[in-house]
PDB file of all heavy atoms in Angstrom:
ATOM      1  N   THR A   1      -5.680  -2.385   3.696  1.00  0.00           N
ATOM      2  CA  THR A   1      -4.983  -3.529   4.256  1.00  0.00           C
ATOM      3  C   THR A   1      -3.566  -3.580   3.706  1.00  0.00           C
ATOM      4  O   THR A   1      -3.370  -3.537   2.490  1.00  0.00           O
ATOM      5  CB  THR A   1      -5.693  -4.852   3.927  1.00  0.00           C
ATOM      6  OG1 THR A   1      -7.030  -4.817   4.430  1.00  0.00           O
ATOM      7  CG2 THR A   1      -4.952  -6.026   4.556  1.00  0.00           C
ATOM      8  N   ILE A   2      -2.595  -3.679   4.601  1.00  0.00           N
ATOM      9  CA  ILE A   2      -1.207  -3.807   4.193  1.00  0.00           C
ATOM     10  C   ILE A   2      -0.770  -5.253   4.392  1.00  0.00           C
ATOM     11  O   ILE A   2      -1.155  -5.905   5.367  1.00  0.00           O
ATOM     12  CB  ILE A   2      -0.302  -2.837   4.978  1.00  0.00           C
ATOM     13  CG1 ILE A   2       1.118  -2.849   4.414  1.00  0.00           C
ATOM     14  CG2 ILE A   2      -0.286  -3.154   6.465  1.00  0.00           C
ATOM     15  CD1 ILE A   2       2.006  -1.758   4.991  1.00  0.00           C
ATOM     16  N   SER A   3       0.021  -5.762   3.451  1.00  0.00           N
ATOM     17  CA  SER A   3       0.519  -7.125   3.538  1.00  0.00           C
ATOM     18  C   SER A   3       1.902  -7.201   2.918  1.00  0.00           C
ATOM     19  O   SER A   3       2.329  -6.285   2.205  1.00  0.00           O
ATOM     20  CB  SER A   3      -0.433  -8.108   2.845  1.00  0.00           C
ATOM     21  OG  SER A   3      -0.568  -7.801   1.469  1.00  0.00           O
ATOM     22  N   ARG A   4       2.606  -8.304   3.193  1.00  0.00           N
ATOM     23  CA  ARG A   4       3.942  -8.513   2.648  1.00  0.00           C
ATOM     24  C   ARG A   4       4.089  -9.924   2.131  1.00  0.00           C
ATOM     25  O   ARG A   4       3.576 -10.876   2.717  1.00  0.00           O
ATOM     26  CB  ARG A   4       5.012  -8.256   3.715  1.00  0.00           C
ATOM     27  CG  ARG A   4       5.146  -6.828   4.157  1.00  0.00           C
ATOM     28  CD  ARG A   4       6.215  -6.668   5.214  1.00  0.00           C
ATOM     29  NE  ARG A   4       7.544  -7.022   4.733  1.00  0.00           N
ATOM     30  CZ  ARG A   4       8.672  -6.810   5.415  1.00  0.00           C
ATOM     31  NH1 ARG A   4       8.619  -6.252   6.618  1.00  0.00           N
ATOM     32  NH2 ARG A   4       9.839  -7.178   4.900  1.00  0.00           N
ATOM     33  N   ASP A   5       4.803 -10.052   1.030  1.00  0.00           N
ATOM     34  CA  ASP A   5       5.185 -11.340   0.483  1.00  0.00           C
ATOM     35  C   ASP A   5       6.707 -11.407   0.549  1.00  0.00           C
ATOM     36  O   ASP A   5       7.397 -10.873  -0.318  1.00  0.00           O
ATOM     37  CB  ASP A   5       4.690 -11.494  -0.950  1.00  0.00           C
ATOM     38  CG  ASP A   5       4.950 -12.877  -1.506  1.00  0.00           C
ATOM     39  OD1 ASP A   5       5.750 -13.631  -0.922  1.00  0.00           O
ATOM     40  OD2 ASP A   5       4.346 -13.221  -2.542  1.00  0.00           O
ATOM     41  N   ASP A   6       7.230 -12.043   1.586  1.00  0.00           N
ATOM     42  CA  ASP A   6       8.676 -12.086   1.791  1.00  0.00           C
ATOM     43  C   ASP A   6       9.391 -12.845   0.679  1.00  0.00           C
ATOM     44  O   ASP A   6      10.556 -12.561   0.382  1.00  0.00           O
ATOM     45  CB  ASP A   6       9.000 -12.726   3.142  1.00  0.00           C
ATOM     46  CG  ASP A   6       8.552 -11.883   4.320  1.00  0.00           C
ATOM     47  OD1 ASP A   6       8.368 -10.657   4.143  1.00  0.00           O
ATOM     48  OD2 ASP A   6       8.391 -12.438   5.424  1.00  0.00           O
ATOM     49  N   ALA A   7       8.721 -13.816   0.052  1.00  0.00           N
ATOM     50  CA  ALA A   7       9.342 -14.602  -1.004  1.00  0.00           C
ATOM     51  C   ALA A   7       9.675 -13.753  -2.226  1.00  0.00           C
ATOM     52  O   ALA A   7      10.648 -14.031  -2.930  1.00  0.00           O
ATOM     53  CB  ALA A   7       8.447 -15.767  -1.395  1.00  0.00           C
ATOM     54  N   THR A   8       8.872 -12.730  -2.501  1.00  0.00           N
ATOM     55  CA  THR A   8       9.085 -11.869  -3.656  1.00  0.00           C
ATOM     56  C   THR A   8       9.549 -10.472  -3.272  1.00  0.00           C
ATOM     57  O   THR A   8       9.665  -9.602  -4.145  1.00  0.00           O
ATOM     58  CB  THR A   8       7.811 -11.760  -4.491  1.00  0.00           C
ATOM     59  OG1 THR A   8       6.755 -11.218  -3.695  1.00  0.00           O
ATOM     60  CG2 THR A   8       7.393 -13.127  -5.013  1.00  0.00           C
ATOM     61  N   ASN A   9       9.800 -10.245  -1.998  1.00  0.00           N
ATOM     62  CA  ASN A   9      10.265  -8.944  -1.509  1.00  0.00           C
ATOM     63  C   ASN A   9       9.317  -7.821  -1.918  1.00  0.00           C
ATOM     64  O   ASN A   9       9.746  -6.766  -2.399  1.00  0.00           O
ATOM     65  CB  ASN A   9      11.684  -8.662  -2.009  1.00  0.00           C
ATOM     66  CG  ASN A   9      12.655  -9.754  -1.665  1.00  0.00           C
ATOM     67  OD1 ASN A   9      12.738 -10.173  -0.512  1.00  0.00           O
ATOM     68  ND2 ASN A   9      13.401 -10.225  -2.663  1.00  0.00           N
ATOM     69  N   THR A  10       8.042  -8.059  -1.714  1.00  0.00           N
ATOM     70  CA  THR A  10       7.020  -7.123  -2.148  1.00  0.00           C
ATOM     71  C   THR A  10       6.040  -6.823  -1.023  1.00  0.00           C
ATOM     72  O   THR A  10       5.618  -7.723  -0.302  1.00  0.00           O
ATOM     73  CB  THR A  10       6.245  -7.686  -3.349  1.00  0.00           C
ATOM     74  OG1 THR A  10       7.163  -8.018  -4.399  1.00  0.00           O
ATOM     75  CG2 THR A  10       5.249  -6.663  -3.869  1.00  0.00           C
ATOM     76  N   ALA A  11       5.694  -5.556  -0.885  1.00  0.00           N
ATOM     77  CA  ALA A  11       4.648  -5.126   0.033  1.00  0.00           C
ATOM     78  C   ALA A  11       3.457  -4.629  -0.770  1.00  0.00           C
ATOM     79  O   ALA A  11       3.618  -4.113  -1.878  1.00  0.00           O
ATOM     80  CB  ALA A  11       5.157  -4.031   0.965  1.00  0.00           C
ATOM     81  N   TYR A  12       2.267  -4.779  -0.211  1.00  0.00           N
ATOM     82  CA  TYR A  12       1.044  -4.390  -0.897  1.00  0.00           C
ATOM     83  C   TYR A  12       0.202  -3.484  -0.016  1.00  0.00           C
ATOM     84  O   TYR A  12       0.234  -3.568   1.213  1.00  0.00           O
ATOM     85  CB  TYR A  12       0.212  -5.617  -1.278  1.00  0.00           C
ATOM     86  CG  TYR A  12       0.926  -6.601  -2.168  1.00  0.00           C
ATOM     87  CD1 TYR A  12       1.593  -7.693  -1.626  1.00  0.00           C
ATOM     88  CD2 TYR A  12       0.936  -6.433  -3.546  1.00  0.00           C
ATOM     89  CE1 TYR A  12       2.253  -8.599  -2.435  1.00  0.00           C
ATOM     90  CE2 TYR A  12       1.590  -7.333  -4.363  1.00  0.00           C
ATOM     91  CZ  TYR A  12       2.246  -8.416  -3.803  1.00  0.00           C
ATOM     92  OH  TYR A  12       2.903  -9.308  -4.616  1.00  0.00           O
ATOM     93  N   LEU A  13      -0.558  -2.634  -0.664  1.00  0.00           N
ATOM     94  CA  LEU A  13      -1.562  -1.826   0.006  1.00  0.00           C
ATOM     95  C   LEU A  13      -2.863  -2.006  -0.753  1.00  0.00           C
ATOM     96  O   LEU A  13      -3.024  -1.479  -1.857  1.00  0.00           O
ATOM     97  CB  LEU A  13      -1.158  -0.354   0.052  1.00  0.00           C
ATOM     98  CG  LEU A  13      -2.122   0.555   0.811  1.00  0.00           C
ATOM     99  CD1 LEU A  13      -2.084   0.230   2.308  1.00  0.00           C
ATOM    100  CD2 LEU A  13      -1.784   2.024   0.579  1.00  0.00           C
ATOM    101  N   GLN A  14      -3.781  -2.774  -0.171  1.00  0.00           N
ATOM    102  CA  GLN A  14      -5.091  -3.002  -0.766  1.00  0.00           C
ATOM    103  C   GLN A  14      -6.059  -1.965  -0.215  1.00  0.00           C
ATOM    104  O   GLN A  14      -6.272  -1.896   1.002  1.00  0.00           O
ATOM    105  CB  GLN A  14      -5.586  -4.410  -0.453  1.00  0.00           C
ATOM    106  CG  GLN A  14      -6.965  -4.726  -1.009  1.00  0.00           C
ATOM    107  CD  GLN A  14      -6.981  -4.742  -2.520  1.00  0.00           C
ATOM    108  OE1 GLN A  14      -6.237  -5.487  -3.151  1.00  0.00           O
ATOM    109  NE2 GLN A  14      -7.837  -3.910  -3.112  1.00  0.00           N
ATOM    110  N   MET A  15      -6.647  -1.178  -1.098  1.00  0.00           N
ATOM    111  CA  MET A  15      -7.518  -0.084  -0.708  1.00  0.00           C
ATOM    112  C   MET A  15      -8.938  -0.356  -1.175  1.00  0.00           C
ATOM    113  O   MET A  15      -9.165  -0.643  -2.351  1.00  0.00           O
ATOM    114  CB  MET A  15      -7.010   1.237  -1.288  1.00  0.00           C
ATOM    115  CG  MET A  15      -5.574   1.560  -0.900  1.00  0.00           C
ATOM    116  SD  MET A  15      -4.974   3.127  -1.594  1.00  0.00           S
ATOM    117  CE  MET A  15      -4.857   2.671  -3.332  1.00  0.00           C
ATOM    118  N   HIS A  16      -9.883  -0.261  -0.247  1.00  0.00           N
ATOM    119  CA  HIS A  16     -11.305  -0.419  -0.534  1.00  0.00           C
ATOM    120  C   HIS A  16     -12.051   0.822  -0.065  1.00  0.00           C
ATOM    121  O   HIS A  16     -11.592   1.551   0.804  1.00  0.00           O
ATOM    122  CB  HIS A  16     -11.878  -1.652   0.165  1.00  0.00           C
ATOM    123  CG  HIS A  16     -11.315  -2.949  -0.297  1.00  0.00           C
ATOM    124  ND1 HIS A  16     -11.560  -3.463  -1.552  1.00  0.00           N
ATOM    125  CD2 HIS A  16     -10.520  -3.856   0.334  1.00  0.00           C
ATOM    126  CE1 HIS A  16     -10.935  -4.624  -1.683  1.00  0.00           C
ATOM    127  NE2 HIS A  16     -10.302  -4.883  -0.556  1.00  0.00           N
ATOM    128  N   GLY A  17     -13.230   1.008  -0.622  1.00  0.00           N
ATOM    129  CA  GLY A  17     -14.054   2.140  -0.224  1.00  0.00           C
ATOM    130  C   GLY A  17     -13.348   3.472  -0.378  1.00  0.00           C
ATOM    131  O   GLY A  17     -13.423   4.322   0.513  1.00  0.00           O
ATOM    132  N   LEU A  18     -12.685   3.657  -1.494  1.00  0.00           N
ATOM    133  CA  LEU A  18     -11.887   4.865  -1.700  1.00  0.00           C
ATOM    134  C   LEU A  18     -12.755   6.116  -1.728  1.00  0.00           C
ATOM    135  O   LEU A  18     -13.858   6.112  -2.273  1.00  0.00           O
ATOM    136  CB  LEU A  18     -11.084   4.750  -2.985  1.00  0.00           C
ATOM    137  CG  LEU A  18      -9.857   3.835  -2.886  1.00  0.00           C
ATOM    138  CD1 LEU A  18      -9.341   3.467  -4.263  1.00  0.00           C
ATOM    139  CD2 LEU A  18      -8.765   4.521  -2.074  1.00  0.00           C
ATOM    140  N   LYS A  19     -12.220   7.175  -1.137  1.00  0.00           N
ATOM    141  CA  LYS A  19     -12.880   8.467  -1.073  1.00  0.00           C
ATOM    142  C   LYS A  19     -12.047   9.505  -1.800  1.00  0.00           C
ATOM    143  O   LYS A  19     -10.851   9.325  -2.000  1.00  0.00           O
ATOM    144  CB  LYS A  19     -13.073   8.899   0.384  1.00  0.00           C
ATOM    145  CG  LYS A  19     -13.788   7.878   1.256  1.00  0.00           C
ATOM    146  CD  LYS A  19     -13.784   8.310   2.709  1.00  0.00           C
ATOM    147  CE  LYS A  19     -14.470   7.294   3.596  1.00  0.00           C
ATOM    148  NZ  LYS A  19     -14.437   7.696   5.025  1.00  0.00           N
ATOM    149  N   HIS A  20     -12.695  10.618  -2.160  1.00  0.00           N
ATOM    150  CA  HIS A  20     -11.979  11.674  -2.853  1.00  0.00           C
ATOM    151  C   HIS A  20     -10.789  12.168  -2.029  1.00  0.00           C
ATOM    152  O   HIS A  20      -9.734  12.493  -2.582  1.00  0.00           O
ATOM    153  CB  HIS A  20     -12.918  12.830  -3.172  1.00  0.00           C
ATOM    154  CG  HIS A  20     -12.267  13.953  -3.905  1.00  0.00           C
ATOM    155  ND1 HIS A  20     -11.773  13.830  -5.181  1.00  0.00           N
ATOM    156  CD2 HIS A  20     -12.006  15.234  -3.526  1.00  0.00           C
ATOM    157  CE1 HIS A  20     -11.246  14.963  -5.571  1.00  0.00           C
ATOM    158  NE2 HIS A  20     -11.382  15.838  -4.586  1.00  0.00           N
ATOM    159  N   GLU A  21     -10.943  12.211  -0.709  1.00  0.00           N
ATOM    160  CA  GLU A  21      -9.874  12.682   0.149  1.00  0.00           C
ATOM    161  C   GLU A  21      -8.693  11.717   0.247  1.00  0.00           C
ATOM    162  O   GLU A  21      -7.677  12.049   0.866  1.00  0.00           O
ATOM    163  CB  GLU A  21     -10.400  12.998   1.554  1.00  0.00           C
ATOM    164  CG  GLU A  21     -11.239  11.888   2.146  1.00  0.00           C
ATOM    165  CD  GLU A  21     -12.726  12.103   1.940  1.00  0.00           C
ATOM    166  OE1 GLU A  21     -13.121  12.505   0.815  1.00  0.00           O
ATOM    167  OE2 GLU A  21     -13.493  11.885   2.893  1.00  0.00           O
ATOM    168  N   ASP A  22      -8.814  10.521  -0.337  1.00  0.00           N
ATOM    169  CA  ASP A  22      -7.683   9.608  -0.416  1.00  0.00           C
ATOM    170  C   ASP A  22      -6.733   9.962  -1.554  1.00  0.00           C
ATOM    171  O   ASP A  22      -5.661   9.359  -1.674  1.00  0.00           O
ATOM    172  CB  ASP A  22      -8.161   8.169  -0.609  1.00  0.00           C
ATOM    173  CG  ASP A  22      -8.903   7.633   0.600  1.00  0.00           C
ATOM    174  OD1 ASP A  22      -8.467   7.900   1.742  1.00  0.00           O
ATOM    175  OD2 ASP A  22      -9.927   6.938   0.408  1.00  0.00           O
ATOM    176  N   THR A  23      -7.120  10.904  -2.392  1.00  0.00           N
ATOM    177  CA  THR A  23      -6.277  11.324  -3.506  1.00  0.00           C
ATOM    178  C   THR A  23      -4.956  11.873  -2.985  1.00  0.00           C
ATOM    179  O   THR A  23      -4.930  12.796  -2.174  1.00  0.00           O
ATOM    180  CB  THR A  23      -6.994  12.382  -4.347  1.00  0.00           C
ATOM    181  OG1 THR A  23      -8.163  11.809  -4.944  1.00  0.00           O
ATOM    182  CG2 THR A  23      -6.085  12.906  -5.448  1.00  0.00           C
ATOM    183  N   ALA A  24      -3.850  11.288  -3.452  1.00  0.00           N
ATOM    184  CA  ALA A  24      -2.528  11.681  -2.986  1.00  0.00           C
ATOM    185  C   ALA A  24      -1.469  10.906  -3.759  1.00  0.00           C
ATOM    186  O   ALA A  24      -1.780   9.966  -4.494  1.00  0.00           O
ATOM    187  CB  ALA A  24      -2.370  11.415  -1.486  1.00  0.00           C
ATOM    188  N   THR A  25      -0.227  11.308  -3.569  1.00  0.00           N
ATOM    189  CA  THR A  25       0.897  10.495  -4.006  1.00  0.00           C
ATOM    190  C   THR A  25       1.235   9.531  -2.878  1.00  0.00           C
ATOM    191  O   THR A  25       1.453   9.957  -1.740  1.00  0.00           O
ATOM    192  CB  THR A  25       2.113  11.357  -4.344  1.00  0.00           C
ATOM    193  OG1 THR A  25       1.777  12.266  -5.397  1.00  0.00           O
ATOM    194  CG2 THR A  25       3.278  10.490  -4.802  1.00  0.00           C
ATOM    195  N   TYR A  26       1.285   8.256  -3.182  1.00  0.00           N
ATOM    196  CA  TYR A  26       1.547   7.228  -2.183  1.00  0.00           C
ATOM    197  C   TYR A  26       2.986   6.762  -2.288  1.00  0.00           C
ATOM    198  O   TYR A  26       3.466   6.430  -3.376  1.00  0.00           O
ATOM    199  CB  TYR A  26       0.589   6.052  -2.369  1.00  0.00           C
ATOM    200  CG  TYR A  26      -0.798   6.343  -1.859  1.00  0.00           C
ATOM    201  CD1 TYR A  26      -1.622   7.237  -2.530  1.00  0.00           C
ATOM    202  CD2 TYR A  26      -1.276   5.740  -0.699  1.00  0.00           C
ATOM    203  CE1 TYR A  26      -2.892   7.532  -2.061  1.00  0.00           C
ATOM    204  CE2 TYR A  26      -2.538   6.025  -0.223  1.00  0.00           C
ATOM    205  CZ  TYR A  26      -3.344   6.922  -0.904  1.00  0.00           C
ATOM    206  OH  TYR A  26      -4.613   7.203  -0.428  1.00  0.00           O
ATOM    207  N   TYR A  27       3.671   6.719  -1.149  1.00  0.00           N
ATOM    208  CA  TYR A  27       5.075   6.357  -1.082  1.00  0.00           C
ATOM    209  C   TYR A  27       5.275   5.092  -0.262  1.00  0.00           C
ATOM    210  O   TYR A  27       4.638   4.906   0.775  1.00  0.00           O
ATOM    211  CB  TYR A  27       5.898   7.477  -0.442  1.00  0.00           C
ATOM    212  CG  TYR A  27       5.895   8.777  -1.213  1.00  0.00           C
ATOM    213  CD1 TYR A  27       4.961   9.765  -0.939  1.00  0.00           C
ATOM    214  CD2 TYR A  27       6.844   9.004  -2.206  1.00  0.00           C
ATOM    215  CE1 TYR A  27       4.962  10.960  -1.639  1.00  0.00           C
ATOM    216  CE2 TYR A  27       6.854  10.195  -2.909  1.00  0.00           C
ATOM    217  CZ  TYR A  27       5.908  11.171  -2.619  1.00  0.00           C
ATOM    218  OH  TYR A  27       5.915  12.357  -3.314  1.00  0.00           O
ATOM    219  N   CYS A  28       6.180   4.258  -0.725  1.00  0.00           N
ATOM    220  CA  CYS A  28       6.624   3.097   0.031  1.00  0.00           C
ATOM    221  C   CYS A  28       7.932   3.434   0.728  1.00  0.00           C
ATOM    222  O   CYS A  28       8.806   4.082   0.145  1.00  0.00           O
ATOM    223  CB  CYS A  28       6.813   1.897  -0.897  1.00  0.00           C
ATOM    224  SG  CYS A  28       7.372   0.400  -0.068  1.00  0.00           S
ATOM    225  N   ALA A  29       8.066   3.010   1.972  1.00  0.00           N
ATOM    226  CA  ALA A  29       9.274   3.249   2.747  1.00  0.00           C
ATOM    227  C   ALA A  29       9.706   1.960   3.439  1.00  0.00           C
ATOM    228  O   ALA A  29       8.879   1.094   3.728  1.00  0.00           O
ATOM    229  CB  ALA A  29       9.042   4.346   3.790  1.00  0.00           C
ATOM    230  N   ALA A  30      11.001   1.841   3.705  1.00  0.00           N
ATOM    231  CA  ALA A  30      11.532   0.638   4.340  1.00  0.00           C
ATOM    232  C   ALA A  30      12.721   0.982   5.214  1.00  0.00           C
ATOM    233  O   ALA A  30      13.370   2.014   5.033  1.00  0.00           O
ATOM    234  CB  ALA A  30      11.937  -0.396   3.285  1.00  0.00           C
ATOM    235  N   ASP A  31      13.006   0.087   6.164  1.00  0.00           N
ATOM    236  CA  ASP A  31      14.155   0.278   7.035  1.00  0.00           C
ATOM    237  C   ASP A  31      14.569  -1.055   7.645  1.00  0.00           C
ATOM    238  O   ASP A  31      13.808  -2.029   7.616  1.00  0.00           O
ATOM    239  CB  ASP A  31      13.846   1.288   8.142  1.00  0.00           C
ATOM    240  CG  ASP A  31      15.087   2.026   8.614  1.00  0.00           C
ATOM    241  OD1 ASP A  31      16.025   1.363   9.119  1.00  0.00           O
ATOM    242  OD2 ASP A  31      15.119   3.261   8.470  1.00  0.00           O
TER     243      ASP A  31
END
């Protein structure tokens, strides 16, 4: 689940049910 808190200028990625194949470097991007 992705969400944003505009008051704090922060984005979140809540991850559940993680699998081994989710292993990676995670990057945040904006535009």
